[in-house]
Amino acid sequence: LPEISGVEICKLVRSKPDIKNIPIIMLTAKGEEEDKVKGL
């Protein structure tokens, strides 16, 4: 995403008590195992 990556947004969501439990599905063109591990 422009300005801030989806990974950073994911981390921010998990740090907020009132929204941290919302399920997140990452959509990405990155298919390497290392990238998947990073996202998860």
ModelCIF file with pLDDT and N, C-alpha, C, O atoms, coordinates in Angstrom:
data_MODEL
#
_entry.id   MODEL 
#
_entity.id                         1 
_entity.type                       polymer 
_entity.pdbx_number_of_molecules   1 
#
_entity_poly.entity_id                      1 
_entity_poly.type                           'polypeptide(L)' 
_entity_poly.nstd_linkage                   no 
_entity_poly.nstd_monomer                   no 
_entity_poly.pdbx_seq_one_letter_code       LPEISGVEICKLVRSKPDIKNIPIIMLTAKGEEEDKVKGL 
_entity_poly.pdbx_seq_one_letter_code_can   LPEISGVEICKLVRSKPDIKNIPIIMLTAKGEEEDKVKGL 
_entity_poly.pdbx_strand_id                 A 
#
loop_
_entity_poly_seq.entity_id 
_entity_poly_seq.num 
_entity_poly_seq.mon_id 
_entity_poly_seq.hetero 
1 1  LEU n 
1 2  PRO n 
1 3  GLU n 
1 4  ILE n 
1 5  SER n 
1 6  GLY n 
1 7  VAL n 
1 8  GLU n 
1 9  ILE n 
1 10 CYS n 
1 11 LYS n 
1 12 LEU n 
1 13 VAL n 
1 14 ARG n 
1 15 SER n 
1 16 LYS n 
1 17 PRO n 
1 18 ASP n 
1 19 ILE n 
1 20 LYS n 
1 21 ASN n 
1 22 ILE n 
1 23 PRO n 
1 24 ILE n 
1 25 ILE n 
1 26 MET n 
1 27 LEU n 
1 28 THR n 
1 29 ALA n 
1 30 LYS n 
1 31 GLY n 
1 32 GLU n 
1 33 GLU n 
1 34 GLU n 
1 35 ASP n 
1 36 LYS n 
1 37 VAL n 
1 38 LYS n 
1 39 GLY n 
1 40 LEU n 
#
_struct_asym.id          A 
_struct_asym.entity_id   1 
#
loop_
_ma_qa_metric.id 
_ma_qa_metric.mode 
_ma_qa_metric.name 
_ma_qa_metric.software_group_id 
_ma_qa_metric.type 
1 global pLDDT . pLDDT 
2 local  pLDDT . pLDDT 
#
_ma_qa_metric_global.metric_id      1 
_ma_qa_metric_global.metric_value   81.25 
_ma_qa_metric_global.model_id       1 
_ma_qa_metric_global.ordinal_id     1 
#
loop_
_ma_qa_metric_local.label_asym_id 
_ma_qa_metric_local.label_comp_id 
_ma_qa_metric_local.label_seq_id 
_ma_qa_metric_local.metric_id 
_ma_qa_metric_local.metric_value 
_ma_qa_metric_local.model_id 
_ma_qa_metric_local.ordinal_id 
A LEU 1  2 87.00 1 1  
A PRO 2  2 81.00 1 2  
A GLU 3  2 83.00 1 3  
A ILE 4  2 89.00 1 4  
A SER 5  2 88.00 1 5  
A GLY 6  2 89.00 1 6  
A VAL 7  2 89.00 1 7  
A GLU 8  2 91.00 1 8  
A ILE 9  2 91.00 1 9  
A CYS 10 2 91.00 1 10 
A LYS 11 2 90.00 1 11 
A LEU 12 2 91.00 1 12 
A VAL 13 2 90.00 1 13 
A ARG 14 2 89.00 1 14 
A SER 15 2 88.00 1 15 
A LYS 16 2 84.00 1 16 
A PRO 17 2 77.00 1 17 
A ASP 18 2 72.00 1 18 
A ILE 19 2 82.00 1 19 
A LYS 20 2 83.00 1 20 
A ASN 21 2 84.00 1 21 
A ILE 22 2 89.00 1 22 
A PRO 23 2 91.00 1 23 
A ILE 24 2 93.00 1 24 
A ILE 25 2 93.00 1 25 
A MET 26 2 90.00 1 26 
A LEU 27 2 89.00 1 27 
A THR 28 2 83.00 1 28 
A ALA 29 2 78.00 1 29 
A LYS 30 2 67.00 1 30 
A GLY 31 2 61.00 1 31 
A GLU 32 2 59.00 1 32 
A GLU 33 2 60.00 1 33 
A GLU 34 2 66.00 1 34 
A ASP 35 2 66.00 1 35 
A LYS 36 2 66.00 1 36 
A VAL 37 2 73.00 1 37 
A LYS 38 2 72.00 1 38 
A GLY 39 2 68.00 1 39 
A LEU 40 2 77.00 1 40 
#
loop_
_atom_site.group_PDB 
_atom_site.id 
_atom_site.type_symbol 
_atom_site.label_atom_id 
_atom_site.label_alt_id 
_atom_site.label_comp_id 
_atom_site.label_asym_id 
_atom_site.label_entity_id 
_atom_site.label_seq_id 
_atom_site.pdbx_PDB_ins_code 
_atom_site.Cartn_x 
_atom_site.Cartn_y 
_atom_site.Cartn_z 
_atom_site.occupancy 
_atom_site.B_iso_or_equiv 
_atom_site.pdbx_formal_charge 
_atom_site.auth_seq_id 
_atom_site.auth_comp_id 
_atom_site.auth_asym_id 
_atom_site.auth_atom_id 
_atom_site.pdbx_PDB_model_num 
ATOM 1   N N  . LEU A 1 1  ? 0.844   -1.187  0.000  1.00 87.00 ? 1  LEU A N  1 
ATOM 2   C CA . LEU A 1 1  ? 0.000   0.000   0.000  1.00 87.00 ? 1  LEU A CA 1 
ATOM 3   C C  . LEU A 1 1  ? 0.882   1.240   0.000  1.00 87.00 ? 1  LEU A C  1 
ATOM 4   O O  . LEU A 1 1  ? 2.009   1.192   0.492  1.00 87.00 ? 1  LEU A O  1 
ATOM 5   N N  . PRO A 1 2  ? 0.388   2.354   -0.544 1.00 81.00 ? 2  PRO A N  1 
ATOM 6   C CA . PRO A 1 2  ? 1.159   3.595   -0.459 1.00 81.00 ? 2  PRO A CA 1 
ATOM 7   C C  . PRO A 1 2  ? 1.193   4.101   0.977  1.00 81.00 ? 2  PRO A C  1 
ATOM 8   O O  . PRO A 1 2  ? 0.272   3.838   1.750  1.00 81.00 ? 2  PRO A O  1 
ATOM 9   N N  . GLU A 1 3  ? 2.224   4.809   1.329  1.00 83.00 ? 3  GLU A N  1 
ATOM 10  C CA . GLU A 1 3  ? 2.455   5.436   2.635  1.00 83.00 ? 3  GLU A CA 1 
ATOM 11  C C  . GLU A 1 3  ? 2.851   4.452   3.736  1.00 83.00 ? 3  GLU A C  1 
ATOM 12  O O  . GLU A 1 3  ? 3.830   4.683   4.446  1.00 83.00 ? 3  GLU A O  1 
ATOM 13  N N  . ILE A 1 4  ? 2.106   3.364   3.883  1.00 89.00 ? 4  ILE A N  1 
ATOM 14  C CA . ILE A 1 4  ? 2.382   2.414   4.964  1.00 89.00 ? 4  ILE A CA 1 
ATOM 15  C C  . ILE A 1 4  ? 2.018   1.018   4.479  1.00 89.00 ? 4  ILE A C  1 
ATOM 16  O O  . ILE A 1 4  ? 1.003   0.844   3.803  1.00 89.00 ? 4  ILE A O  1 
ATOM 17  N N  . SER A 1 5  ? 2.821   0.033   4.811  1.00 88.00 ? 5  SER A N  1 
ATOM 18  C CA . SER A 1 5  ? 2.595   -1.322  4.296  1.00 88.00 ? 5  SER A CA 1 
ATOM 19  C C  . SER A 1 5  ? 1.477   -2.018  5.066  1.00 88.00 ? 5  SER A C  1 
ATOM 20  O O  . SER A 1 5  ? 1.139   -1.649  6.191  1.00 88.00 ? 5  SER A O  1 
ATOM 21  N N  . GLY A 1 6  ? 0.915   -3.040  4.418  1.00 89.00 ? 6  GLY A N  1 
ATOM 22  C CA . GLY A 1 6  ? -0.104  -3.847  5.070  1.00 89.00 ? 6  GLY A CA 1 
ATOM 23  C C  . GLY A 1 6  ? 0.417   -4.528  6.319  1.00 89.00 ? 6  GLY A C  1 
ATOM 24  O O  . GLY A 1 6  ? -0.323  -4.698  7.287  1.00 89.00 ? 6  GLY A O  1 
ATOM 25  N N  . VAL A 1 7  ? 1.685   -4.920  6.309  1.00 89.00 ? 7  VAL A N  1 
ATOM 26  C CA . VAL A 1 7  ? 2.287   -5.565  7.473  1.00 89.00 ? 7  VAL A CA 1 
ATOM 27  C C  . VAL A 1 7  ? 2.286   -4.604  8.669  1.00 89.00 ? 7  VAL A C  1 
ATOM 28  O O  . VAL A 1 7  ? 1.965   -5.000  9.790  1.00 89.00 ? 7  VAL A O  1 
ATOM 29  N N  . GLU A 1 8  ? 2.648   -3.341  8.423  1.00 91.00 ? 8  GLU A N  1 
ATOM 30  C CA . GLU A 1 8  ? 2.667   -2.352  9.506  1.00 91.00 ? 8  GLU A CA 1 
ATOM 31  C C  . GLU A 1 8  ? 1.253   -2.072  10.018 1.00 91.00 ? 8  GLU A C  1 
ATOM 32  O O  . GLU A 1 8  ? 1.044   -1.912  11.221 1.00 91.00 ? 8  GLU A O  1 
ATOM 33  N N  . ILE A 1 9  ? 0.286   -2.013  9.103  1.00 91.00 ? 9  ILE A N  1 
ATOM 34  C CA . ILE A 1 9  ? -1.104  -1.809  9.513  1.00 91.00 ? 9  ILE A CA 1 
ATOM 35  C C  . ILE A 1 9  ? -1.562  -2.976  10.384 1.00 91.00 ? 9  ILE A C  1 
ATOM 36  O O  . ILE A 1 9  ? -2.238  -2.780  11.394 1.00 91.00 ? 9  ILE A O  1 
ATOM 37  N N  . CYS A 1 10 ? -1.190  -4.178  9.988  1.00 91.00 ? 10 CYS A N  1 
ATOM 38  C CA . CYS A 1 10 ? -1.543  -5.377  10.746 1.00 91.00 ? 10 CYS A CA 1 
ATOM 39  C C  . CYS A 1 10 ? -0.994  -5.287  12.177 1.00 91.00 ? 10 CYS A C  1 
ATOM 40  O O  . CYS A 1 10 ? -1.701  -5.587  13.139 1.00 91.00 ? 10 CYS A O  1 
ATOM 41  N N  . LYS A 1 11 ? 0.254   -4.878  12.303 1.00 90.00 ? 11 LYS A N  1 
ATOM 42  C CA . LYS A 1 11 ? 0.862   -4.739  13.627 1.00 90.00 ? 11 LYS A CA 1 
ATOM 43  C C  . LYS A 1 11 ? 0.128   -3.695  14.470 1.00 90.00 ? 11 LYS A C  1 
ATOM 44  O O  . LYS A 1 11 ? -0.083  -3.890  15.667 1.00 90.00 ? 11 LYS A O  1 
ATOM 45  N N  . LEU A 1 12 ? -0.256  -2.591  13.836 1.00 91.00 ? 12 LEU A N  1 
ATOM 46  C CA . LEU A 1 12 ? -0.962  -1.531  14.553 1.00 91.00 ? 12 LEU A CA 1 
ATOM 47  C C  . LEU A 1 12 ? -2.332  -2.006  15.035 1.00 91.00 ? 12 LEU A C  1 
ATOM 48  O O  . LEU A 1 12 ? -2.746  -1.698  16.153 1.00 91.00 ? 12 LEU A O  1 
ATOM 49  N N  . VAL A 1 13 ? -3.029  -2.758  14.185 1.00 90.00 ? 13 VAL A N  1 
ATOM 50  C CA . VAL A 1 13 ? -4.338  -3.295  14.579 1.00 90.00 ? 13 VAL A CA 1 
ATOM 51  C C  . VAL A 1 13 ? -4.184  -4.205  15.796 1.00 90.00 ? 13 VAL A C  1 
ATOM 52  O O  . VAL A 1 13 ? -4.978  -4.134  16.734 1.00 90.00 ? 13 VAL A O  1 
ATOM 53  N N  . ARG A 1 14 ? -3.170  -5.049  15.776 1.00 89.00 ? 14 ARG A N  1 
ATOM 54  C CA . ARG A 1 14 ? -2.971  -5.993  16.887 1.00 89.00 ? 14 ARG A CA 1 
ATOM 55  C C  . ARG A 1 14 ? -2.557  -5.295  18.183 1.00 89.00 ? 14 ARG A C  1 
ATOM 56  O O  . ARG A 1 14 ? -2.648  -5.887  19.258 1.00 89.00 ? 14 ARG A O  1 
ATOM 57  N N  . SER A 1 15 ? -2.110  -4.056  18.092 1.00 88.00 ? 15 SER A N  1 
ATOM 58  C CA . SER A 1 15 ? -1.692  -3.314  19.291 1.00 88.00 ? 15 SER A CA 1 
ATOM 59  C C  . SER A 1 15 ? -2.841  -2.539  19.931 1.00 88.00 ? 15 SER A C  1 
ATOM 60  O O  . SER A 1 15 ? -2.680  -1.972  21.012 1.00 88.00 ? 15 SER A O  1 
ATOM 61  N N  . LYS A 1 16 ? -4.015  -2.513  19.264 1.00 84.00 ? 16 LYS A N  1 
ATOM 62  C CA . LYS A 1 16 ? -5.149  -1.727  19.756 1.00 84.00 ? 16 LYS A CA 1 
ATOM 63  C C  . LYS A 1 16 ? -6.159  -2.642  20.445 1.00 84.00 ? 16 LYS A C  1 
ATOM 64  O O  . LYS A 1 16 ? -6.705  -3.544  19.808 1.00 84.00 ? 16 LYS A O  1 
ATOM 65  N N  . PRO A 1 17 ? -6.417  -2.425  21.740 1.00 77.00 ? 17 PRO A N  1 
ATOM 66  C CA . PRO A 1 17 ? -7.278  -3.339  22.497 1.00 77.00 ? 17 PRO A CA 1 
ATOM 67  C C  . PRO A 1 17 ? -8.672  -3.531  21.912 1.00 77.00 ? 17 PRO A C  1 
ATOM 68  O O  . PRO A 1 17 ? -9.217  -4.633  21.969 1.00 77.00 ? 17 PRO A O  1 
ATOM 69  N N  . ASP A 1 18 ? -9.261  -2.465  21.344 1.00 72.00 ? 18 ASP A N  1 
ATOM 70  C CA . ASP A 1 18 ? -10.648 -2.564  20.896 1.00 72.00 ? 18 ASP A CA 1 
ATOM 71  C C  . ASP A 1 18 ? -10.810 -3.179  19.511 1.00 72.00 ? 18 ASP A C  1 
ATOM 72  O O  . ASP A 1 18 ? -11.937 -3.472  19.111 1.00 72.00 ? 18 ASP A O  1 
ATOM 73  N N  . ILE A 1 19 ? -9.727  -3.386  18.765 1.00 82.00 ? 19 ILE A N  1 
ATOM 74  C CA . ILE A 1 19 ? -9.842  -3.972  17.416 1.00 82.00 ? 19 ILE A CA 1 
ATOM 75  C C  . ILE A 1 19 ? -8.881  -5.137  17.187 1.00 82.00 ? 19 ILE A C  1 
ATOM 76  O O  . ILE A 1 19 ? -8.841  -5.697  16.091 1.00 82.00 ? 19 ILE A O  1 
ATOM 77  N N  . LYS A 1 20 ? -8.111  -5.505  18.202 1.00 83.00 ? 20 LYS A N  1 
ATOM 78  C CA . LYS A 1 20 ? -7.017  -6.465  18.002 1.00 83.00 ? 20 LYS A CA 1 
ATOM 79  C C  . LYS A 1 20 ? -7.475  -7.871  17.621 1.00 83.00 ? 20 LYS A C  1 
ATOM 80  O O  . LYS A 1 20 ? -6.684  -8.649  17.088 1.00 83.00 ? 20 LYS A O  1 
ATOM 81  N N  . ASN A 1 21 ? -8.750  -8.213  17.888 1.00 84.00 ? 21 ASN A N  1 
ATOM 82  C CA . ASN A 1 21 ? -9.234  -9.562  17.600 1.00 84.00 ? 21 ASN A CA 1 
ATOM 83  C C  . ASN A 1 21 ? -9.871  -9.723  16.218 1.00 84.00 ? 21 ASN A C  1 
ATOM 84  O O  . ASN A 1 21 ? -10.338 -10.807 15.869 1.00 84.00 ? 21 ASN A O  1 
ATOM 85  N N  . ILE A 1 22 ? -9.889  -8.648  15.439 1.00 89.00 ? 22 ILE A N  1 
ATOM 86  C CA . ILE A 1 22 ? -10.516 -8.740  14.112 1.00 89.00 ? 22 ILE A CA 1 
ATOM 87  C C  . ILE A 1 22 ? -9.664  -9.624  13.198 1.00 89.00 ? 22 ILE A C  1 
ATOM 88  O O  . ILE A 1 22 ? -8.463  -9.383  13.072 1.00 89.00 ? 22 ILE A O  1 
ATOM 89  N N  . PRO A 1 23 ? -10.256 -10.648 12.552 1.00 91.00 ? 23 PRO A N  1 
ATOM 90  C CA . PRO A 1 23 ? -9.494  -11.480 11.615 1.00 91.00 ? 23 PRO A CA 1 
ATOM 91  C C  . PRO A 1 23 ? -8.971  -10.665 10.438 1.00 91.00 ? 23 PRO A C  1 
ATOM 92  O O  . PRO A 1 23 ? -9.684  -9.831  9.881  1.00 91.00 ? 23 PRO A O  1 
ATOM 93  N N  . ILE A 1 24 ? -7.706  -10.918 10.065 1.00 93.00 ? 24 ILE A N  1 
ATOM 94  C CA . ILE A 1 24 ? -7.072  -10.209 8.949  1.00 93.00 ? 24 ILE A CA 1 
ATOM 95  C C  . ILE A 1 24 ? -6.578  -11.223 7.923  1.00 93.00 ? 24 ILE A C  1 
ATOM 96  O O  . ILE A 1 24 ? -5.829  -12.145 8.246  1.00 93.00 ? 24 ILE A O  1 
ATOM 97  N N  . ILE A 1 25 ? -7.016  -11.028 6.678  1.00 93.00 ? 25 ILE A N  1 
ATOM 98  C CA . ILE A 1 25 ? -6.528  -11.851 5.561  1.00 93.00 ? 25 ILE A CA 1 
ATOM 99  C C  . ILE A 1 25 ? -5.640  -10.965 4.699  1.00 93.00 ? 25 ILE A C  1 
ATOM 100 O O  . ILE A 1 25 ? -6.104  -9.967  4.149  1.00 93.00 ? 25 ILE A O  1 
ATOM 101 N N  . MET A 1 26 ? -4.364  -11.326 4.579  1.00 90.00 ? 26 MET A N  1 
ATOM 102 C CA . MET A 1 26 ? -3.433  -10.550 3.764  1.00 90.00 ? 26 MET A CA 1 
ATOM 103 C C  . MET A 1 26 ? -3.589  -10.919 2.291  1.00 90.00 ? 26 MET A C  1 
ATOM 104 O O  . MET A 1 26 ? -3.665  -12.097 1.943  1.00 90.00 ? 26 MET A O  1 
ATOM 105 N N  . LEU A 1 27 ? -3.638  -9.904  1.431  1.00 89.00 ? 27 LEU A N  1 
ATOM 106 C CA . LEU A 1 27 ? -3.688  -10.096 -0.021 1.00 89.00 ? 27 LEU A CA 1 
ATOM 107 C C  . LEU A 1 27 ? -2.365  -9.596  -0.596 1.00 89.00 ? 27 LEU A C  1 
ATOM 108 O O  . LEU A 1 27 ? -2.010  -8.430  -0.417 1.00 89.00 ? 27 LEU A O  1 
ATOM 109 N N  . THR A 1 28 ? -1.648  -10.457 -1.275 1.00 83.00 ? 28 THR A N  1 
ATOM 110 C CA . THR A 1 28 ? -0.323  -10.040 -1.725 1.00 83.00 ? 28 THR A CA 1 
ATOM 111 C C  . THR A 1 28 ? 0.148   -10.791 -2.946 1.00 83.00 ? 28 THR A C  1 
ATOM 112 O O  . THR A 1 28 ? -0.249  -11.932 -3.184 1.00 83.00 ? 28 THR A O  1 
ATOM 113 N N  . ALA A 1 29 ? 1.005   -10.136 -3.722 1.00 78.00 ? 29 ALA A N  1 
ATOM 114 C CA . ALA A 1 29 ? 1.655   -10.784 -4.864 1.00 78.00 ? 29 ALA A CA 1 
ATOM 115 C C  . ALA A 1 29 ? 2.881   -11.556 -4.409 1.00 78.00 ? 29 ALA A C  1 
ATOM 116 O O  . ALA A 1 29 ? 3.452   -12.324 -5.184 1.00 78.00 ? 29 ALA A O  1 
ATOM 117 N N  . LYS A 1 30 ? 3.294   -11.361 -3.159 1.00 67.00 ? 30 LYS A N  1 
ATOM 118 C CA . LYS A 1 30 ? 4.469   -12.052 -2.637 1.00 67.00 ? 30 LYS A CA 1 
ATOM 119 C C  . LYS A 1 30 ? 4.093   -13.488 -2.295 1.00 67.00 ? 30 LYS A C  1 
ATOM 120 O O  . LYS A 1 30 ? 3.149   -13.726 -1.541 1.00 67.00 ? 30 LYS A O  1 
ATOM 121 N N  . GLY A 1 31 ? 4.830   -14.439 -2.848 1.00 61.00 ? 31 GLY A N  1 
ATOM 122 C CA . GLY A 1 31 ? 4.476   -15.836 -2.634 1.00 61.00 ? 31 GLY A CA 1 
ATOM 123 C C  . GLY A 1 31 ? 5.529   -16.663 -1.938 1.00 61.00 ? 31 GLY A C  1 
ATOM 124 O O  . GLY A 1 31 ? 5.308   -17.846 -1.679 1.00 61.00 ? 31 GLY A O  1 
ATOM 125 N N  . GLU A 1 32 ? 6.673   -16.071 -1.628 1.00 59.00 ? 32 GLU A N  1 
ATOM 126 C CA . GLU A 1 32 ? 7.733   -16.824 -0.975 1.00 59.00 ? 32 GLU A CA 1 
ATOM 127 C C  . GLU A 1 32 ? 7.345   -17.170 0.459  1.00 59.00 ? 32 GLU A C  1 
ATOM 128 O O  . GLU A 1 32 ? 6.620   -16.433 1.128  1.00 59.00 ? 32 GLU A O  1 
ATOM 129 N N  . GLU A 1 33 ? 7.854   -18.323 0.909  1.00 60.00 ? 33 GLU A N  1 
ATOM 130 C CA . GLU A 1 33 ? 7.535   -18.786 2.262  1.00 60.00 ? 33 GLU A CA 1 
ATOM 131 C C  . GLU A 1 33 ? 7.955   -17.763 3.318  1.00 60.00 ? 33 GLU A C  1 
ATOM 132 O O  . GLU A 1 33 ? 7.247   -17.553 4.302  1.00 60.00 ? 33 GLU A O  1 
ATOM 133 N N  . GLU A 1 34 ? 9.109   -17.127 3.109  1.00 66.00 ? 34 GLU A N  1 
ATOM 134 C CA . GLU A 1 34 ? 9.612   -16.148 4.070  1.00 66.00 ? 34 GLU A CA 1 
ATOM 135 C C  . GLU A 1 34 ? 8.644   -14.964 4.210  1.00 66.00 ? 34 GLU A C  1 
ATOM 136 O O  . GLU A 1 34 ? 8.447   -14.437 5.305  1.00 66.00 ? 34 GLU A O  1 
ATOM 137 N N  . ASP A 1 35 ? 8.037   -14.550 3.067  1.00 66.00 ? 35 ASP A N  1 
ATOM 138 C CA . ASP A 1 35 ? 7.082   -13.454 3.100  1.00 66.00 ? 35 ASP A CA 1 
ATOM 139 C C  . ASP A 1 35 ? 5.805   -13.860 3.830  1.00 66.00 ? 35 ASP A C  1 
ATOM 140 O O  . ASP A 1 35 ? 5.229   -13.066 4.573  1.00 66.00 ? 35 ASP A O  1 
ATOM 141 N N  . LYS A 1 36 ? 5.371   -15.092 3.617  1.00 66.00 ? 36 LYS A N  1 
ATOM 142 C CA . LYS A 1 36 ? 4.183   -15.578 4.307  1.00 66.00 ? 36 LYS A CA 1 
ATOM 143 C C  . LYS A 1 36 ? 4.413   -15.592 5.812  1.00 66.00 ? 36 LYS A C  1 
ATOM 144 O O  . LYS A 1 36 ? 3.550   -15.187 6.590  1.00 66.00 ? 36 LYS A O  1 
ATOM 145 N N  . VAL A 1 37 ? 5.574   -16.057 6.202  1.00 73.00 ? 37 VAL A N  1 
ATOM 146 C CA . VAL A 1 37 ? 5.916   -16.095 7.624  1.00 73.00 ? 37 VAL A CA 1 
ATOM 147 C C  . VAL A 1 37 ? 5.910   -14.680 8.204  1.00 73.00 ? 37 VAL A C  1 
ATOM 148 O O  . VAL A 1 37 ? 5.425   -14.456 9.313  1.00 73.00 ? 37 VAL A O  1 
ATOM 149 N N  . LYS A 1 38 ? 6.452   -13.733 7.443  1.00 72.00 ? 38 LYS A N  1 
ATOM 150 C CA . LYS A 1 38 ? 6.494   -12.343 7.902  1.00 72.00 ? 38 LYS A CA 1 
ATOM 151 C C  . LYS A 1 38 ? 5.091   -11.792 8.109  1.00 72.00 ? 38 LYS A C  1 
ATOM 152 O O  . LYS A 1 38 ? 4.817   -11.135 9.113  1.00 72.00 ? 38 LYS A O  1 
ATOM 153 N N  . GLY A 1 39 ? 4.201   -12.063 7.154  1.00 68.00 ? 39 GLY A N  1 
ATOM 154 C CA . GLY A 1 39 ? 2.826   -11.583 7.272  1.00 68.00 ? 39 GLY A CA 1 
ATOM 155 C C  . GLY A 1 39 ? 2.098   -12.211 8.439  1.00 68.00 ? 39 GLY A C  1 
ATOM 156 O O  . GLY A 1 39 ? 1.411   -11.517 9.188  1.00 68.00 ? 39 GLY A O  1 
ATOM 157 N N  . LEU A 1 40 ? 2.240   -13.520 8.604  1.00 77.00 ? 40 LEU A N  1 
ATOM 158 C CA . LEU A 1 40 ? 1.575   -14.207 9.708  1.00 77.00 ? 40 LEU A CA 1 
ATOM 159 C C  . LEU A 1 40 ? 2.165   -13.801 11.053 1.00 77.00 ? 40 LEU A C  1 
ATOM 160 O O  . LEU A 1 40 ? 1.721   -14.286 12.093 1.00 77.00 ? 40 LEU A O  1 
#
